[in-house]
Amino acid sequence: MANVFKRGKMLSGVADSYITNVVADVELPDGALVVCGDLAPNTTYDPAGLAGVEYDTYVAAAPAAATDEVVIVDYAGISEGPIGGNTYKMGNKLYGLKVPVGTIARARRLALHDKYWIGEDNFDTAPTVGEYATAEAGEFTHKAAASLPGSGFAVKILVEEDLTTGMKSNGSIYLVEVVQL
């Protein structure tokens, strides 16, 4: 029912070098798995586009193979800030966010043992707690898998909970741990 990404215990939460930016020529869902291509062009000071690139923004695309190195989109497209030690997000939606075409978005490089939460629409099919998910060629979603693949990105599904906003259930949200890169 909803795509969503929530950072858990991740290296990118303490090491700035594990955070980057991506831009794509397609709409990206929050929590999308993408590969970083070339640096994005920067035509701010050169309208012909000949002089510059964004130094920390990569052109993103869906993985070409399940073994590609992926990053995860963490779209901060709504206002967010700390109040009394708690982080609050204010906006029309807290789930189902989409990065508009051509918009620069934050992405997190993944490290072994990173934990994060993603919604059920971030999977190709409903995952099973105790099983795995991988990257999928040509897709932005996690591909549910019964067993750990021999190589490539994989997460283990640790917990399933209801994704609630107010008193409404919006499907399931899953805690996953990166077990293979």
Foldseek 3Di string as FASTA:
>chain_A
DWWAKFFDAFPVVPDVVQKFKEAEQAKAFQFFKWAFDAFAFDCPPPVVRPDGGDPGYGYIFAAQALAGQIWTFHFPPFDWDDDPNDIDTDDDDNTRDIQHHGHMTMIGRGDAFGKMKTFQVLEPHGEDQQAKWTGHRRTRHTYHDRHDDPAHWMKHFHDKDFDDDPHDTPHIMTMIGTHHD
